[in-house]
Amino acid sequence: MTPSAHNRTGVVPLPADFIAVHLPRITSIVELKVSLHLYGLITAQTTRPRRVSWDTLLFDTVLQQSLLVVAPSSAYSDVLSEGLAAAVQRGSFLHTVRLDQHGRAVNWYVVDTVENRRWADVQTDSVTAPVGEPAPDVLRLYEQHIGVVTPMLLAELRAAARLYPSHWFAEAMREAVVANVRSWRYVHKILQKWAKDGRDSHLREPALSADHYTEGAYGDLFRRGSDTSDL
């Protein structure tokens, strides 16, 4: 069912900020299609705040057809993740994760407004995480520096949270940003190295340079460039 089926006027309103600020800067057709489709779905919602889940988007056949026209040889979930990550990083939408009554993590997307940001912050802070669930600050760090936490990636973060101290994540993500390799695989490689060689082993190394990343322990990941498939 299309969003207009729930909208008596058949009109999908777009925020003024999106038209005046974000739209002129969008260069990705994937981001544009995902953003416009999200606005349409959100307009049709009756919940407060109006929000759309990852699962809804994943099984949306109209959006799937729309995105696969752009990237016919790619997996739909990868293209969807790319568009969502770009829209969230731009500030068009907010992404938050909360647990449902069964303890399952649900990824929600809402329009980035002051009211919705307050709701998203409350939901993230109020989540009582089960054993091994990544702390909310880890999720925020990842989304701030790397990209959107998808359901598949959440499982990997959950596993990592059982193995490494929570304060390691901020520094590992900072190294990934410095190296311009925004990939969970890269961050995980750093955490594995610290677990093997010691957290302070990097302090005994010479000052960082391009060779540190292109020839060092993470060289292969750096040469492949940023990995957006795990966003």
Protein backbone atom coordinates (compact mmCIF):
# COMPACT_ATOMS: atom_id res chain seq x y z
CA MET A 1 0.00 0.00 0.00
CA THR A 2 1.33 3.38 -0.92
CA PRO A 3 1.71 6.18 1.64
CA SER A 4 -0.95 8.23 -0.14
CA ALA A 5 -3.48 5.50 0.61
CA HIS A 6 -3.44 6.72 4.23
CA ASN A 7 -3.20 10.39 3.27
CA ARG A 8 -6.48 12.00 2.25
CA THR A 9 -4.76 14.71 0.22
CA GLY A 10 -2.31 12.32 -1.45
CA VAL A 11 0.44 14.82 -0.67
CA VAL A 12 3.70 13.97 1.10
CA PRO A 13 5.02 17.09 2.88
CA LEU A 14 8.77 17.65 2.95
CA PRO A 15 10.51 19.64 5.72
CA ALA A 16 11.69 23.09 4.69
CA ASP A 17 15.20 22.24 5.92
CA PHE A 18 15.33 19.25 3.60
CA ILE A 19 14.41 21.39 0.59
CA ALA A 20 16.59 24.39 1.43
CA VAL A 21 19.58 22.79 3.15
CA HIS A 22 19.93 19.07 2.44
CA LEU A 23 18.54 18.60 -1.06
CA PRO A 24 21.01 20.96 -2.80
CA ARG A 25 23.90 18.92 -1.33
CA ILE A 26 22.66 15.43 -2.15
CA THR A 27 24.64 13.84 -4.98
CA SER A 28 23.63 10.21 -4.42
CA ILE A 29 20.47 9.02 -6.15
CA VAL A 30 20.31 6.20 -3.58
CA GLU A 31 20.24 8.65 -0.68
CA LEU A 32 17.61 10.76 -2.47
CA LYS A 33 15.34 7.78 -3.20
CA VAL A 34 15.61 6.43 0.34
CA SER A 35 14.95 9.87 1.84
CA LEU A 36 11.87 10.59 -0.26
CA HIS A 37 10.47 7.11 0.35
CA LEU A 38 11.05 7.48 4.08
CA TYR A 39 9.19 10.78 4.13
CA GLY A 40 6.30 9.09 2.36
CA LEU A 41 6.15 6.20 4.83
CA ILE A 42 6.52 8.47 7.85
CA THR A 43 3.70 10.71 6.62
CA ALA A 44 1.41 7.67 6.58
CA GLN A 45 2.18 6.69 10.19
CA THR A 46 -0.26 7.29 13.03
CA THR A 47 2.13 6.44 15.87
CA ARG A 48 3.86 9.19 17.84
CA PRO A 49 6.49 9.96 17.02
CA ARG A 50 5.99 8.86 13.44
CA ARG A 51 8.69 6.31 12.71
CA VAL A 52 9.66 3.50 10.34
CA SER A 53 11.60 0.36 11.22
CA TRP A 54 14.46 -1.30 9.35
CA ASP A 55 12.30 -4.39 8.82
CA THR A 56 9.58 -2.32 7.18
CA LEU A 57 12.10 -0.86 4.75
CA LEU A 58 13.78 -4.22 4.15
CA PHE A 59 10.50 -5.81 3.03
CA ASP A 60 9.20 -2.77 1.12
CA THR A 61 8.89 -4.06 -2.45
CA VAL A 62 8.34 -0.59 -3.93
CA LEU A 63 11.55 0.74 -2.39
CA GLN A 64 13.38 -2.43 -3.38
CA GLN A 65 12.39 -2.02 -7.03
CA SER A 66 13.30 1.66 -6.90
CA LEU A 67 16.81 1.05 -5.52
CA LEU A 68 17.64 -1.96 -7.66
CA VAL A 69 17.03 0.14 -10.76
CA VAL A 70 20.05 2.16 -9.64
CA ALA A 71 22.19 -0.79 -8.50
CA PRO A 72 20.82 -3.95 -10.16
CA SER A 73 23.88 -6.06 -9.35
CA SER A 74 23.97 -5.20 -5.63
CA ALA A 75 22.16 -6.77 -2.71
CA TYR A 76 19.09 -4.73 -1.78
CA SER A 77 20.03 -4.66 1.91
CA ASP A 78 23.45 -3.19 1.05
CA VAL A 79 21.97 -0.46 -1.14
CA LEU A 80 19.34 0.31 1.49
CA SER A 81 22.01 0.55 4.19
CA GLU A 82 24.04 2.90 2.00
CA GLY A 83 21.09 5.24 1.50
CA LEU A 84 20.09 5.20 5.17
CA ALA A 85 23.65 5.83 6.33
CA ALA A 86 23.97 8.84 4.05
CA ALA A 87 20.60 10.26 5.12
CA VAL A 88 21.37 9.84 8.82
CA GLN A 89 24.86 11.29 8.52
CA ARG A 90 23.49 14.27 6.60
CA GLY A 91 20.99 14.98 9.38
CA SER A 92 17.78 14.34 7.44
CA PHE A 93 16.84 11.46 9.73
CA LEU A 94 17.68 10.03 13.13
CA HIS A 95 18.39 6.38 13.79
CA THR A 96 17.81 4.81 17.19
CA VAL A 97 17.80 1.24 18.49
CA ARG A 98 15.50 -0.01 21.23
CA LEU A 99 14.57 -3.43 22.53
CA ASP A 100 11.04 -4.73 22.13
CA GLN A 101 9.19 -6.82 24.72
CA HIS A 102 10.98 -9.93 23.48
CA GLY A 103 14.46 -8.43 23.87
CA ARG A 104 14.91 -8.01 20.12
CA ALA A 105 16.72 -4.89 18.93
CA VAL A 106 14.51 -2.81 16.63
CA ASN A 107 16.09 -0.15 14.42
CA TRP A 108 13.87 2.94 14.07
CA TYR A 109 14.16 5.92 11.72
CA VAL A 110 12.49 9.28 12.43
CA VAL A 111 12.76 12.75 10.92
CA ASP A 112 15.55 14.73 12.59
CA THR A 113 13.66 17.29 14.69
CA VAL A 114 14.25 18.62 18.19
CA GLU A 115 11.25 16.69 19.53
CA ASN A 116 12.24 13.45 17.78
CA ARG A 117 15.87 13.82 18.90
CA ARG A 118 14.64 14.06 22.48
CA TRP A 119 12.57 10.90 21.97
CA ALA A 120 15.49 9.05 20.37
CA ASP A 121 17.83 10.02 23.22
CA VAL A 122 15.33 8.88 25.84
CA GLN A 123 14.78 5.57 24.10
CA THR A 124 18.50 4.91 23.78
CA ASP A 125 19.23 5.88 27.39
CA SER A 126 16.33 3.88 28.80
CA VAL A 127 17.19 0.59 27.11
CA THR A 128 18.06 -2.09 29.64
CA ALA A 129 20.56 -4.13 27.70
CA PRO A 130 20.87 -7.89 28.22
CA VAL A 131 24.26 -9.48 28.80
CA GLY A 132 26.51 -8.80 25.82
CA GLU A 133 24.35 -6.00 24.40
CA PRO A 134 26.57 -3.08 23.33
CA ALA A 135 26.18 -0.08 25.60
CA PRO A 136 24.24 2.87 24.14
CA ASP A 137 27.40 4.99 24.08
CA VAL A 138 29.08 2.38 21.85
CA LEU A 139 26.16 2.57 19.44
CA ARG A 140 26.32 6.37 19.43
CA LEU A 141 30.09 6.33 18.84
CA TYR A 142 29.70 3.96 15.92
CA GLU A 143 26.93 5.98 14.28
CA GLN A 144 28.79 9.24 14.88
CA HIS A 145 32.08 8.09 13.40
CA ILE A 146 31.36 5.09 11.17
CA GLY A 147 27.74 4.74 10.05
CA VAL A 148 24.32 3.23 10.72
CA VAL A 149 24.09 0.17 12.99
CA THR A 150 22.11 -2.40 11.01
CA PRO A 151 20.58 -5.51 12.63
CA MET A 152 23.37 -7.71 11.26
CA LEU A 153 26.05 -5.37 12.54
CA LEU A 154 24.34 -5.14 15.92
CA ALA A 155 25.01 -8.86 16.40
CA GLU A 156 28.73 -8.28 15.78
CA LEU A 157 28.83 -5.34 18.20
CA ARG A 158 27.06 -7.50 20.77
CA ALA A 159 29.74 -10.18 20.40
CA ALA A 160 32.54 -7.60 20.63
CA ALA A 161 30.99 -6.09 23.77
CA ARG A 162 31.52 -9.44 25.49
CA LEU A 163 35.21 -9.51 24.59
CA TYR A 164 36.61 -5.99 24.90
CA PRO A 165 36.42 -3.20 27.52
CA SER A 166 33.86 -0.57 26.55
CA HIS A 167 36.40 2.28 26.75
CA TRP A 168 38.47 0.70 23.97
CA PHE A 169 35.80 1.35 21.36
CA ALA A 170 36.15 5.15 21.33
CA GLU A 171 39.90 5.03 20.71
CA ALA A 172 39.63 2.27 18.10
CA MET A 173 37.00 4.25 16.19
CA ARG A 174 39.14 7.36 16.46
CA GLU A 175 42.01 5.48 14.80
CA ALA A 176 39.67 4.35 12.04
CA VAL A 177 38.58 7.95 11.42
CA VAL A 178 42.21 9.15 11.32
CA ALA A 179 42.98 6.41 8.80
CA ASN A 180 39.84 7.34 6.83
CA VAL A 181 38.71 3.72 6.93
CA ARG A 182 35.15 3.84 8.22
CA SER A 183 34.59 0.14 8.57
CA TRP A 184 33.64 -2.10 11.48
CA ARG A 185 36.11 -4.72 10.20
CA TYR A 186 38.90 -2.19 10.58
CA VAL A 187 37.80 -1.20 14.09
CA HIS A 188 37.52 -4.87 15.05
CA LYS A 189 41.03 -5.50 13.74
CA ILE A 190 42.34 -2.78 16.05
CA LEU A 191 40.52 -4.29 19.03
CA GLN A 192 41.92 -7.74 18.22
CA LYS A 193 45.45 -6.33 18.01
CA TRP A 194 45.10 -4.59 21.38
CA ALA A 195 43.78 -7.78 22.95
CA LYS A 196 46.78 -9.68 21.61
CA ASP A 197 49.61 -7.15 22.08
CA GLY A 198 48.24 -4.97 24.87
CA ARG A 199 46.16 -1.80 24.85
CA ASP A 200 49.20 0.52 25.18
CA SER A 201 51.30 -1.12 22.49
CA HIS A 202 50.41 1.69 20.05
CA LEU A 203 52.06 4.21 22.40
CA ARG A 204 55.44 2.60 21.76
CA GLU A 205 55.07 3.00 18.00
CA PRO A 206 56.47 6.02 16.10
CA ALA A 207 54.24 8.97 15.23
CA LEU A 208 51.42 8.11 12.84
CA SER A 209 52.03 8.50 9.15
CA ALA A 210 50.48 7.22 5.95
CA ASP A 211 52.82 4.21 6.10
CA HIS A 212 51.35 3.29 9.47
CA TYR A 213 48.08 2.46 7.72
CA THR A 214 49.18 1.41 4.23
CA GLU A 215 52.02 -0.87 5.32
CA GLY A 216 51.09 -1.73 8.92
CA ALA A 217 48.87 -4.32 10.51
CA TYR A 218 45.75 -2.80 8.92
CA GLY A 219 47.30 -2.13 5.51
CA ASP A 220 45.11 -4.53 3.57
CA LEU A 221 41.92 -2.95 4.89
CA PHE A 222 43.21 0.55 4.16
CA ARG A 223 44.13 -0.32 0.58
CA ARG A 224 40.61 -1.62 0.01
CA GLY A 225 39.23 1.71 1.17
CA SER A 226 36.18 2.41 3.26
CA ASP A 227 33.79 -0.50 3.52
CA THR A 228 30.16 0.60 3.37
CA SER A 229 28.72 -2.91 3.22
CA ASP A 230 28.67 -3.21 7.02
CA LEU A 231 26.79 0.05 7.51
